Amino acid sequence: LKKRKTYLVTYQTNFKKVQFFKKQGFKIILIDSLKSKNDLISLYKK
């Protein structure tokens, strides 16, 4: 985490678990799925 932005890409449903990582300094990218090509392209676009 030192001197860099660090993002966790995780499911929308993990909202409660996310709090620990937020406190550690992680930034969160919430997604619904990462199975199809369109899902991956959507992540790329973000």
ModelCIF file with pLDDT and N, C-alpha, C, O atoms, coordinates in Angstrom:
data_MODEL
#
_entry.id   MODEL 
#
_entity.id                         1 
_entity.type                       polymer 
_entity.pdbx_number_of_molecules   1 
#
_entity_poly.entity_id                      1 
_entity_poly.type                           'polypeptide(L)' 
_entity_poly.nstd_linkage                   no 
_entity_poly.nstd_monomer                   no 
_entity_poly.pdbx_seq_one_letter_code       LKKRKTYLVTYQTNFKKVQFFKKQGFKIILIDSLKSKNDLISLYKK 
_entity_poly.pdbx_seq_one_letter_code_can   LKKRKTYLVTYQTNFKKVQFFKKQGFKIILIDSLKSKNDLISLYKK 
_entity_poly.pdbx_strand_id                 A 
#
loop_
_entity_poly_seq.entity_id 
_entity_poly_seq.num 
_entity_poly_seq.mon_id 
_entity_poly_seq.hetero 
1 1  LEU n 
1 2  LYS n 
1 3  LYS n 
1 4  ARG n 
1 5  LYS n 
1 6  THR n 
1 7  TYR n 
1 8  LEU n 
1 9  VAL n 
1 10 THR n 
1 11 TYR n 
1 12 GLN n 
1 13 THR n 
1 14 ASN n 
1 15 PHE n 
1 16 LYS n 
1 17 LYS n 
1 18 VAL n 
1 19 GLN n 
1 20 PHE n 
1 21 PHE n 
1 22 LYS n 
1 23 LYS n 
1 24 GLN n 
1 25 GLY n 
1 26 PHE n 
1 27 LYS n 
1 28 ILE n 
1 29 ILE n 
1 30 LEU n 
1 31 ILE n 
1 32 ASP n 
1 33 SER n 
1 34 LEU n 
1 35 LYS n 
1 36 SER n 
1 37 LYS n 
1 38 ASN n 
1 39 ASP n 
1 40 LEU n 
1 41 ILE n 
1 42 SER n 
1 43 LEU n 
1 44 TYR n 
1 45 LYS n 
1 46 LYS n 
#
_struct_asym.id          A 
_struct_asym.entity_id   1 
#
loop_
_ma_qa_metric.id 
_ma_qa_metric.mode 
_ma_qa_metric.name 
_ma_qa_metric.software_group_id 
_ma_qa_metric.type 
1 global pLDDT . pLDDT 
2 local  pLDDT . pLDDT 
#
_ma_qa_metric_global.metric_id      1 
_ma_qa_metric_global.metric_value   89.02 
_ma_qa_metric_global.model_id       1 
_ma_qa_metric_global.ordinal_id     1 
#
loop_
_ma_qa_metric_local.label_asym_id 
_ma_qa_metric_local.label_comp_id 
_ma_qa_metric_local.label_seq_id 
_ma_qa_metric_local.metric_id 
_ma_qa_metric_local.metric_value 
_ma_qa_metric_local.model_id 
_ma_qa_metric_local.ordinal_id 
A LEU 1  2 70.00 1 1  
A LYS 2  2 70.00 1 2  
A LYS 3  2 74.00 1 3  
A ARG 4  2 85.00 1 4  
A LYS 5  2 92.00 1 5  
A THR 6  2 92.00 1 6  
A TYR 7  2 95.00 1 7  
A LEU 8  2 94.00 1 8  
A VAL 9  2 96.00 1 9  
A THR 10 2 94.00 1 10 
A TYR 11 2 91.00 1 11 
A GLN 12 2 78.00 1 12 
A THR 13 2 79.00 1 13 
A ASN 14 2 75.00 1 14 
A PHE 15 2 75.00 1 15 
A LYS 16 2 77.00 1 16 
A LYS 17 2 80.00 1 17 
A VAL 18 2 88.00 1 18 
A GLN 19 2 87.00 1 19 
A PHE 20 2 85.00 1 20 
A PHE 21 2 87.00 1 21 
A LYS 22 2 88.00 1 22 
A LYS 23 2 85.00 1 23 
A GLN 24 2 83.00 1 24 
A GLY 25 2 86.00 1 25 
A PHE 26 2 90.00 1 26 
A LYS 27 2 93.00 1 27 
A ILE 28 2 94.00 1 28 
A ILE 29 2 95.00 1 29 
A LEU 30 2 92.00 1 30 
A ILE 31 2 93.00 1 31 
A ASP 32 2 92.00 1 32 
A SER 33 2 93.00 1 33 
A LEU 34 2 94.00 1 34 
A LYS 35 2 92.00 1 35 
A SER 36 2 95.00 1 36 
A LYS 37 2 95.00 1 37 
A ASN 38 2 96.00 1 38 
A ASP 39 2 96.00 1 39 
A LEU 40 2 97.00 1 40 
A ILE 41 2 97.00 1 41 
A SER 42 2 97.00 1 42 
A LEU 43 2 97.00 1 43 
A TYR 44 2 97.00 1 44 
A LYS 45 2 97.00 1 45 
A LYS 46 2 97.00 1 46 
#
loop_
_atom_site.group_PDB 
_atom_site.id 
_atom_site.type_symbol 
_atom_site.label_atom_id 
_atom_site.label_alt_id 
_atom_site.label_comp_id 
_atom_site.label_asym_id 
_atom_site.label_entity_id 
_atom_site.label_seq_id 
_atom_site.pdbx_PDB_ins_code 
_atom_site.Cartn_x 
_atom_site.Cartn_y 
_atom_site.Cartn_z 
_atom_site.occupancy 
_atom_site.B_iso_or_equiv 
_atom_site.pdbx_formal_charge 
_atom_site.auth_seq_id 
_atom_site.auth_comp_id 
_atom_site.auth_asym_id 
_atom_site.auth_atom_id 
_atom_site.pdbx_PDB_model_num 
ATOM 1   N N  . LEU A 1 1  ? 0.795   -1.220  0.000   1.00 70.00 ? 1  LEU A N  1 
ATOM 2   C CA . LEU A 1 1  ? 0.000   0.000   0.000   1.00 70.00 ? 1  LEU A CA 1 
ATOM 3   C C  . LEU A 1 1  ? 0.833   1.278   0.000   1.00 70.00 ? 1  LEU A C  1 
ATOM 4   O O  . LEU A 1 1  ? 0.326   2.345   -0.347  1.00 70.00 ? 1  LEU A O  1 
ATOM 5   N N  . LYS A 1 2  ? 2.100   1.184   0.383   1.00 70.00 ? 2  LYS A N  1 
ATOM 6   C CA . LYS A 1 2  ? 2.924   2.380   0.563   1.00 70.00 ? 2  LYS A CA 1 
ATOM 7   C C  . LYS A 1 2  ? 3.168   3.122   -0.751  1.00 70.00 ? 2  LYS A C  1 
ATOM 8   O O  . LYS A 1 2  ? 3.658   2.540   -1.719  1.00 70.00 ? 2  LYS A O  1 
ATOM 9   N N  . LYS A 1 3  ? 2.822   4.408   -0.776  1.00 74.00 ? 3  LYS A N  1 
ATOM 10  C CA . LYS A 1 3  ? 3.068   5.299   -1.912  1.00 74.00 ? 3  LYS A CA 1 
ATOM 11  C C  . LYS A 1 3  ? 2.443   4.806   -3.220  1.00 74.00 ? 3  LYS A C  1 
ATOM 12  O O  . LYS A 1 3  ? 3.002   5.021   -4.296  1.00 74.00 ? 3  LYS A O  1 
ATOM 13  N N  . ARG A 1 4  ? 1.307   4.158   -3.129  1.00 85.00 ? 4  ARG A N  1 
ATOM 14  C CA . ARG A 1 4  ? 0.595   3.743   -4.338  1.00 85.00 ? 4  ARG A CA 1 
ATOM 15  C C  . ARG A 1 4  ? -0.875  3.543   -4.005  1.00 85.00 ? 4  ARG A C  1 
ATOM 16  O O  . ARG A 1 4  ? -1.235  3.280   -2.857  1.00 85.00 ? 4  ARG A O  1 
ATOM 17  N N  . LYS A 1 5  ? -1.710  3.670   -5.012  1.00 92.00 ? 5  LYS A N  1 
ATOM 18  C CA . LYS A 1 5  ? -3.120  3.350   -4.840  1.00 92.00 ? 5  LYS A CA 1 
ATOM 19  C C  . LYS A 1 5  ? -3.302  1.855   -5.084  1.00 92.00 ? 5  LYS A C  1 
ATOM 20  O O  . LYS A 1 5  ? -2.783  1.306   -6.056  1.00 92.00 ? 5  LYS A O  1 
ATOM 21  N N  . THR A 1 6  ? -4.034  1.216   -4.201  1.00 92.00 ? 6  THR A N  1 
ATOM 22  C CA . THR A 1 6  ? -4.270  -0.214  -4.351  1.00 92.00 ? 6  THR A CA 1 
ATOM 23  C C  . THR A 1 6  ? -5.765  -0.484  -4.284  1.00 92.00 ? 6  THR A C  1 
ATOM 24  O O  . THR A 1 6  ? -6.445  -0.118  -3.325  1.00 92.00 ? 6  THR A O  1 
ATOM 25  N N  . TYR A 1 7  ? -6.254  -1.136  -5.334  1.00 95.00 ? 7  TYR A N  1 
ATOM 26  C CA . TYR A 1 7  ? -7.692  -1.395  -5.459  1.00 95.00 ? 7  TYR A CA 1 
ATOM 27  C C  . TYR A 1 7  ? -7.977  -2.885  -5.306  1.00 95.00 ? 7  TYR A C  1 
ATOM 28  O O  . TYR A 1 7  ? -7.221  -3.726  -5.792  1.00 95.00 ? 7  TYR A O  1 
ATOM 29  N N  . LEU A 1 8  ? -9.070  -3.198  -4.630  1.00 94.00 ? 8  LEU A N  1 
ATOM 30  C CA . LEU A 1 8  ? -9.574  -4.568  -4.576  1.00 94.00 ? 8  LEU A CA 1 
ATOM 31  C C  . LEU A 1 8  ? -10.805 -4.642  -5.464  1.00 94.00 ? 8  LEU A C  1 
ATOM 32  O O  . LEU A 1 8  ? -11.764 -3.893  -5.278  1.00 94.00 ? 8  LEU A O  1 
ATOM 33  N N  . VAL A 1 9  ? -10.771 -5.549  -6.427  1.00 96.00 ? 9  VAL A N  1 
ATOM 34  C CA . VAL A 1 9  ? -11.914 -5.773  -7.309  1.00 96.00 ? 9  VAL A CA 1 
ATOM 35  C C  . VAL A 1 9  ? -12.688 -6.960  -6.757  1.00 96.00 ? 9  VAL A C  1 
ATOM 36  O O  . VAL A 1 9  ? -12.185 -8.083  -6.761  1.00 96.00 ? 9  VAL A O  1 
ATOM 37  N N  . THR A 1 10 ? -13.907 -6.724  -6.281  1.00 94.00 ? 10 THR A N  1 
ATOM 38  C CA . THR A 1 10 ? -14.650 -7.774  -5.605  1.00 94.00 ? 10 THR A CA 1 
ATOM 39  C C  . THR A 1 10 ? -16.148 -7.659  -5.887  1.00 94.00 ? 10 THR A C  1 
ATOM 40  O O  . THR A 1 10 ? -16.616 -6.686  -6.478  1.00 94.00 ? 10 THR A O  1 
ATOM 41  N N  . TYR A 1 11 ? -16.892 -8.691  -5.443  1.00 91.00 ? 11 TYR A N  1 
ATOM 42  C CA . TYR A 1 11 ? -18.330 -8.725  -5.696  1.00 91.00 ? 11 TYR A CA 1 
ATOM 43  C C  . TYR A 1 11 ? -19.093 -7.694  -4.867  1.00 91.00 ? 11 TYR A C  1 
ATOM 44  O O  . TYR A 1 11 ? -18.685 -7.342  -3.760  1.00 91.00 ? 11 TYR A O  1 
ATOM 45  N N  . GLN A 1 12 ? -20.197 -7.224  -5.419  1.00 78.00 ? 12 GLN A N  1 
ATOM 46  C CA . GLN A 1 12 ? -21.082 -6.299  -4.709  1.00 78.00 ? 12 GLN A CA 1 
ATOM 47  C C  . GLN A 1 12 ? -21.543 -6.888  -3.381  1.00 78.00 ? 12 GLN A C  1 
ATOM 48  O O  . GLN A 1 12 ? -21.718 -6.164  -2.401  1.00 78.00 ? 12 GLN A O  1 
ATOM 49  N N  . THR A 1 13 ? -21.740 -8.213  -3.354  1.00 79.00 ? 13 THR A N  1 
ATOM 50  C CA . THR A 1 13 ? -22.297 -8.873  -2.166  1.00 79.00 ? 13 THR A CA 1 
ATOM 51  C C  . THR A 1 13 ? -21.329 -8.951  -0.996  1.00 79.00 ? 13 THR A C  1 
ATOM 52  O O  . THR A 1 13 ? -21.721 -9.361  0.097   1.00 79.00 ? 13 THR A O  1 
ATOM 53  N N  . ASN A 1 14 ? -20.067 -8.566  -1.203  1.00 75.00 ? 14 ASN A N  1 
ATOM 54  C CA . ASN A 1 14 ? -19.062 -8.643  -0.137  1.00 75.00 ? 14 ASN A CA 1 
ATOM 55  C C  . ASN A 1 14 ? -18.968 -7.359  0.677   1.00 75.00 ? 14 ASN A C  1 
ATOM 56  O O  . ASN A 1 14 ? -17.943 -7.089  1.304   1.00 75.00 ? 14 ASN A O  1 
ATOM 57  N N  . PHE A 1 15 ? -20.027 -6.576  0.666   1.00 75.00 ? 15 PHE A N  1 
ATOM 58  C CA . PHE A 1 15 ? -19.953 -5.237  1.243   1.00 75.00 ? 15 PHE A CA 1 
ATOM 59  C C  . PHE A 1 15 ? -19.475 -5.231  2.701   1.00 75.00 ? 15 PHE A C  1 
ATOM 60  O O  . PHE A 1 15 ? -18.673 -4.375  3.074   1.00 75.00 ? 15 PHE A O  1 
ATOM 61  N N  . LYS A 1 16 ? -19.949 -6.165  3.527   1.00 77.00 ? 16 LYS A N  1 
ATOM 62  C CA . LYS A 1 16 ? -19.566 -6.185  4.948   1.00 77.00 ? 16 LYS A CA 1 
ATOM 63  C C  . LYS A 1 16 ? -18.089 -6.531  5.123   1.00 77.00 ? 16 LYS A C  1 
ATOM 64  O O  . LYS A 1 16 ? -17.407 -5.952  5.968   1.00 77.00 ? 16 LYS A O  1 
ATOM 65  N N  . LYS A 1 17 ? -17.597 -7.480  4.318   1.00 80.00 ? 17 LYS A N  1 
ATOM 66  C CA . LYS A 1 17 ? -16.192 -7.897  4.425   1.00 80.00 ? 17 LYS A CA 1 
ATOM 67  C C  . LYS A 1 17 ? -15.236 -6.786  3.974   1.00 80.00 ? 17 LYS A C  1 
ATOM 68  O O  . LYS A 1 17 ? -14.076 -6.734  4.384   1.00 80.00 ? 17 LYS A O  1 
ATOM 69  N N  . VAL A 1 18 ? -15.751 -5.913  3.129   1.00 88.00 ? 18 VAL A N  1 
ATOM 70  C CA . VAL A 1 18 ? -14.932 -4.855  2.556   1.00 88.00 ? 18 VAL A CA 1 
ATOM 71  C C  . VAL A 1 18 ? -14.391 -3.892  3.607   1.00 88.00 ? 18 VAL A C  1 
ATOM 72  O O  . VAL A 1 18 ? -13.328 -3.303  3.409   1.00 88.00 ? 18 VAL A O  1 
ATOM 73  N N  . GLN A 1 19 ? -15.093 -3.723  4.707   1.00 87.00 ? 19 GLN A N  1 
ATOM 74  C CA . GLN A 1 19 ? -14.747 -2.708  5.706   1.00 87.00 ? 19 GLN A CA 1 
ATOM 75  C C  . GLN A 1 19 ? -13.332 -2.885  6.256   1.00 87.00 ? 19 GLN A C  1 
ATOM 76  O O  . GLN A 1 19 ? -12.623 -1.901  6.466   1.00 87.00 ? 19 GLN A O  1 
ATOM 77  N N  . PHE A 1 20 ? -12.918 -4.128  6.490   1.00 85.00 ? 20 PHE A N  1 
ATOM 78  C CA . PHE A 1 20 ? -11.571 -4.376  7.004   1.00 85.00 ? 20 PHE A CA 1 
ATOM 79  C C  . PHE A 1 20 ? -10.524 -3.836  6.042   1.00 85.00 ? 20 PHE A C  1 
ATOM 80  O O  . PHE A 1 20 ? -9.588  -3.147  6.448   1.00 85.00 ? 20 PHE A O  1 
ATOM 81  N N  . PHE A 1 21 ? -10.691 -4.152  4.770   1.00 87.00 ? 21 PHE A N  1 
ATOM 82  C CA . PHE A 1 21 ? -9.706  -3.733  3.776   1.00 87.00 ? 21 PHE A CA 1 
ATOM 83  C C  . PHE A 1 21 ? -9.723  -2.229  3.564   1.00 87.00 ? 21 PHE A C  1 
ATOM 84  O O  . PHE A 1 21 ? -8.681  -1.635  3.287   1.00 87.00 ? 21 PHE A O  1 
ATOM 85  N N  . LYS A 1 22 ? -10.874 -1.610  3.687   1.00 88.00 ? 22 LYS A N  1 
ATOM 86  C CA . LYS A 1 22 ? -10.953 -0.151  3.592   1.00 88.00 ? 22 LYS A CA 1 
ATOM 87  C C  . LYS A 1 22 ? -10.133 0.500   4.698   1.00 88.00 ? 22 LYS A C  1 
ATOM 88  O O  . LYS A 1 22 ? -9.428  1.481   4.464   1.00 88.00 ? 22 LYS A O  1 
ATOM 89  N N  . LYS A 1 23 ? -10.230 -0.053  5.906   1.00 85.00 ? 23 LYS A N  1 
ATOM 90  C CA . LYS A 1 23 ? -9.485  0.494   7.042   1.00 85.00 ? 23 LYS A CA 1 
ATOM 91  C C  . LYS A 1 23 ? -7.980  0.340   6.838   1.00 85.00 ? 23 LYS A C  1 
ATOM 92  O O  . LYS A 1 23 ? -7.192  1.130   7.357   1.00 85.00 ? 23 LYS A O  1 
ATOM 93  N N  . GLN A 1 24 ? -7.588  -0.687  6.075   1.00 83.00 ? 24 GLN A N  1 
ATOM 94  C CA . GLN A 1 24 ? -6.172  -0.914  5.797   1.00 83.00 ? 24 GLN A CA 1 
ATOM 95  C C  . GLN A 1 24 ? -5.631  0.027   4.721   1.00 83.00 ? 24 GLN A C  1 
ATOM 96  O O  . GLN A 1 24 ? -4.419  0.124   4.526   1.00 83.00 ? 24 GLN A O  1 
ATOM 97  N N  . GLY A 1 25 ? -6.539  0.721   4.022   1.00 86.00 ? 25 GLY A N  1 
ATOM 98  C CA . GLY A 1 25 ? -6.115  1.664   2.996   1.00 86.00 ? 25 GLY A CA 1 
ATOM 99  C C  . GLY A 1 25 ? -6.429  1.249   1.570   1.00 86.00 ? 25 GLY A C  1 
ATOM 100 O O  . GLY A 1 25 ? -6.088  1.964   0.627   1.00 86.00 ? 25 GLY A O  1 
ATOM 101 N N  . PHE A 1 26 ? -7.072  0.105   1.402   1.00 90.00 ? 26 PHE A N  1 
ATOM 102 C CA . PHE A 1 26 ? -7.455  -0.337  0.060   1.00 90.00 ? 26 PHE A CA 1 
ATOM 103 C C  . PHE A 1 26 ? -8.636  0.478   -0.452  1.00 90.00 ? 26 PHE A C  1 
ATOM 104 O O  . PHE A 1 26 ? -9.505  0.889   0.316   1.00 90.00 ? 26 PHE A O  1 
ATOM 105 N N  . LYS A 1 27 ? -8.651  0.703   -1.762  1.00 93.00 ? 27 LYS A N  1 
ATOM 106 C CA . LYS A 1 27 ? -9.814  1.273   -2.422  1.00 93.00 ? 27 LYS A CA 1 
ATOM 107 C C  . LYS A 1 27 ? -10.580 0.118   -3.059  1.00 93.00 ? 27 LYS A C  1 
ATOM 108 O O  . LYS A 1 27 ? -9.977  -0.866  -3.486  1.00 93.00 ? 27 LYS A O  1 
ATOM 109 N N  . ILE A 1 28 ? -11.888 0.232   -3.124  1.00 94.00 ? 28 ILE A N  1 
ATOM 110 C CA . ILE A 1 28 ? -12.723 -0.892  -3.530  1.00 94.00 ? 28 ILE A CA 1 
ATOM 111 C C  . ILE A 1 28 ? -13.416 -0.612  -4.857  1.00 94.00 ? 28 ILE A C  1 
ATOM 112 O O  . ILE A 1 28 ? -13.980 0.462   -5.065  1.00 94.00 ? 28 ILE A O  1 
ATOM 113 N N  . ILE A 1 29 ? -13.364 -1.606  -5.758  1.00 95.00 ? 29 ILE A N  1 
ATOM 114 C CA . ILE A 1 29 ? -14.137 -1.570  -7.001  1.00 95.00 ? 29 ILE A CA 1 
ATOM 115 C C  . ILE A 1 29 ? -15.138 -2.715  -6.926  1.00 95.00 ? 29 ILE A C  1 
ATOM 116 O O  . ILE A 1 29 ? -14.753 -3.883  -6.986  1.00 95.00 ? 29 ILE A O  1 
ATOM 117 N N  . LEU A 1 30 ? -16.415 -2.388  -6.796  1.00 92.00 ? 30 LEU A N  1 
ATOM 118 C CA . LEU A 1 30 ? -17.460 -3.398  -6.674  1.00 92.00 ? 30 LEU A CA 1 
ATOM 119 C C  . LEU A 1 30 ? -18.017 -3.753  -8.047  1.00 92.00 ? 30 LEU A C  1 
ATOM 120 O O  . LEU A 1 30 ? -18.342 -2.875  -8.847  1.00 92.00 ? 30 LEU A O  1 
ATOM 121 N N  . ILE A 1 31 ? -18.124 -5.062  -8.310  1.00 93.00 ? 31 ILE A N  1 
ATOM 122 C CA . ILE A 1 31 ? -18.661 -5.536  -9.593  1.00 93.00 ? 31 ILE A CA 1 
ATOM 123 C C  . ILE A 1 31 ? -19.697 -6.624  -9.334  1.00 93.00 ? 31 ILE A C  1 
ATOM 124 O O  . ILE A 1 31 ? -19.770 -7.183  -8.239  1.00 93.00 ? 31 ILE A O  1 
ATOM 125 N N  . ASP A 1 32 ? -20.495 -6.915  -10.356 1.00 92.00 ? 32 ASP A N  1 
ATOM 126 C CA . ASP A 1 32 ? -21.508 -7.974  -10.240 1.00 92.00 ? 32 ASP A CA 1 
ATOM 127 C C  . ASP A 1 32 ? -20.973 -9.317  -10.707 1.00 92.00 ? 32 ASP A C  1 
ATOM 128 O O  . ASP A 1 32 ? -21.325 -10.360 -10.156 1.00 92.00 ? 32 ASP A O  1 
ATOM 129 N N  . SER A 1 33 ? -20.122 -9.290  -11.724 1.00 93.00 ? 33 SER A N  1 
ATOM 130 C CA . SER A 1 33 ? -19.632 -10.542 -12.312 1.00 93.00 ? 33 SER A CA 1 
ATOM 131 C C  . SER A 1 33 ? -18.320 -10.283 -13.048 1.00 93.00 ? 33 SER A C  1 
ATOM 132 O O  . SER A 1 33 ? -18.038 -9.155  -13.453 1.00 93.00 ? 33 SER A O  1 
ATOM 133 N N  . LEU A 1 34 ? -17.522 -11.334 -13.217 1.00 94.00 ? 34 LEU A N  1 
ATOM 134 C CA . LEU A 1 34 ? -16.281 -11.241 -13.996 1.00 94.00 ? 34 LEU A CA 1 
ATOM 135 C C  . LEU A 1 34 ? -16.083 -12.557 -14.763 1.00 94.00 ? 34 LEU A C  1 
ATOM 136 O O  . LEU A 1 34 ? -15.000 -13.142 -14.764 1.00 94.00 ? 34 LEU A O  1 
ATOM 137 N N  . LYS A 1 35 ? -17.162 -12.996 -15.409 1.00 92.00 ? 35 LYS A N  1 
ATOM 138 C CA . LYS A 1 35 ? -17.127 -14.277 -16.102 1.00 92.00 ? 35 LYS A CA 1 
ATOM 139 C C  . LYS A 1 35 ? -17.010 -14.147 -17.612 1.00 92.00 ? 35 LYS A C  1 
ATOM 140 O O  . LYS A 1 35 ? -16.311 -14.934 -18.251 1.00 92.00 ? 35 LYS A O  1 
ATOM 141 N N  . SER A 1 36 ? -17.683 -13.171 -18.182 1.00 95.00 ? 36 SER A N  1 
ATOM 142 C CA . SER A 1 36 ? -17.741 -13.059 -19.632 1.00 95.00 ? 36 SER A CA 1 
ATOM 143 C C  . SER A 1 36 ? -16.764 -12.016 -20.156 1.00 95.00 ? 36 SER A C  1 
ATOM 144 O O  . SER A 1 36 ? -16.165 -11.261 -19.390 1.00 95.00 ? 36 SER A O  1 
ATOM 145 N N  . LYS A 1 37 ? -16.615 -11.992 -21.479 1.00 95.00 ? 37 LYS A N  1 
ATOM 146 C CA . LYS A 1 37 ? -15.769 -10.991 -22.123 1.00 95.00 ? 37 LYS A CA 1 
ATOM 147 C C  . LYS A 1 37 ? -16.300 -9.588  -21.849 1.00 95.00 ? 37 LYS A C  1 
ATOM 148 O O  . LYS A 1 37 ? -15.524 -8.659  -21.623 1.00 95.00 ? 37 LYS A O  1 
ATOM 149 N N  . ASN A 1 38 ? -17.610 -9.437  -21.869 1.00 96.00 ? 38 ASN A N  1 
ATOM 150 C CA . ASN A 1 38 ? -18.205 -8.125  -21.596 1.00 96.00 ? 38 ASN A CA 1 
ATOM 151 C C  . ASN A 1 38 ? -17.919 -7.657  -20.171 1.00 96.00 ? 38 ASN A C  1 
ATOM 152 O O  . ASN A 1 38 ? -17.722 -6.466  -19.930 1.00 96.00 ? 38 ASN A O  1 
ATOM 153 N N  . ASP A 1 39 ? -17.896 -8.615  -19.216 1.00 96.00 ? 39 ASP A N  1 
ATOM 154 C CA . ASP A 1 39 ? -17.562 -8.271  -17.829 1.00 96.00 ? 39 ASP A CA 1 
ATOM 155 C C  . ASP A 1 39 ? -16.129 -7.740  -17.745 1.00 96.00 ? 39 ASP A C  1 
ATOM 156 O O  . ASP A 1 39 ? -15.864 -6.745  -17.071 1.00 96.00 ? 39 ASP A O  1 
ATOM 157 N N  . LEU A 1 40 ? -15.215 -8.413  -18.435 1.00 97.00 ? 40 LEU A N  1 
ATOM 158 C CA . LEU A 1 40 ? -13.811 -8.013  -18.408 1.00 97.00 ? 40 LEU A CA 1 
ATOM 159 C C  . LEU A 1 40 ? -13.621 -6.661  -19.092 1.00 97.00 ? 40 LEU A C  1 
ATOM 160 O O  . LEU A 1 40 ? -12.862 -5.818  -18.612 1.00 97.00 ? 40 LEU A O  1 
ATOM 161 N N  . ILE A 1 41 ? -14.312 -6.457  -20.214 1.00 97.00 ? 41 ILE A N  1 
ATOM 162 C CA . ILE A 1 41 ? -14.224 -5.164  -20.904 1.00 97.00 ? 41 ILE A CA 1 
ATOM 163 C C  . ILE A 1 41 ? -14.775 -4.051  -20.020 1.00 97.00 ? 41 ILE A C  1 
ATOM 164 O O  . ILE A 1 41 ? -14.233 -2.946  -19.985 1.00 97.00 ? 41 ILE A O  1 
ATOM 165 N N  . SER A 1 42 ? -15.853 -4.352  -19.311 1.00 97.00 ? 42 SER A N  1 
ATOM 166 C CA . SER A 1 42 ? -16.435 -3.367  -18.398 1.00 97.00 ? 42 SER A CA 1 
ATOM 167 C C  . SER A 1 42 ? -15.430 -2.965  -17.315 1.00 97.00 ? 42 SER A C  1 
ATOM 168 O O  . SER A 1 42 ? -15.339 -1.791  -16.957 1.00 97.00 ? 42 SER A O  1 
ATOM 169 N N  . LEU A 1 43 ? -14.677 -3.937  -16.796 1.00 97.00 ? 43 LEU A N  1 
ATOM 170 C CA . LEU A 1 43 ? -13.638 -3.638  -15.804 1.00 97.00 ? 43 LEU A CA 1 
ATOM 171 C C  . LEU A 1 43 ? -12.541 -2.793  -16.437 1.00 97.00 ? 43 LEU A C  1 
ATOM 172 O O  . LEU A 1 43 ? -12.083 -1.821  -15.837 1.00 97.00 ? 43 LEU A O  1 
ATOM 173 N N  . TYR A 1 44 ? -12.113 -3.157  -17.653 1.00 97.00 ? 44 TYR A N  1 
ATOM 174 C CA . TYR A 1 44 ? -11.111 -2.368  -18.370 1.00 97.00 ? 44 TYR A CA 1 
ATOM 175 C C  . TYR A 1 44 ? -11.556 -0.914  -18.507 1.00 97.00 ? 44 TYR A C  1 
ATOM 176 O O  . TYR A 1 44 ? -10.776 0.008   -18.266 1.00 97.00 ? 44 TYR A O  1 
ATOM 177 N N  . LYS A 1 45 ? -12.813 -0.718  -18.895 1.00 97.00 ? 45 LYS A N  1 
ATOM 178 C CA . LYS A 1 45 ? -13.331 0.637   -19.103 1.00 97.00 ? 45 LYS A CA 1 
ATOM 179 C C  . LYS A 1 45 ? -13.334 1.437   -17.796 1.00 97.00 ? 45 LYS A C  1 
ATOM 180 O O  . LYS A 1 45 ? -13.049 2.635   -17.794 1.00 97.00 ? 45 LYS A O  1 
ATOM 181 N N  . LYS A 1 46 ? -13.654 0.774   -16.700 1.00 97.00 ? 46 LYS A N  1 
ATOM 182 C CA . LYS A 1 46 ? -13.621 1.446   -15.394 1.00 97.00 ? 46 LYS A CA 1 
ATOM 183 C C  . LYS A 1 46 ? -12.199 1.897   -15.068 1.00 97.00 ? 46 LYS A C  1 
ATOM 184 O O  . LYS A 1 46 ? -11.964 2.483   -14.011 1.00 97.00 ? 46 LYS A O  1 
#
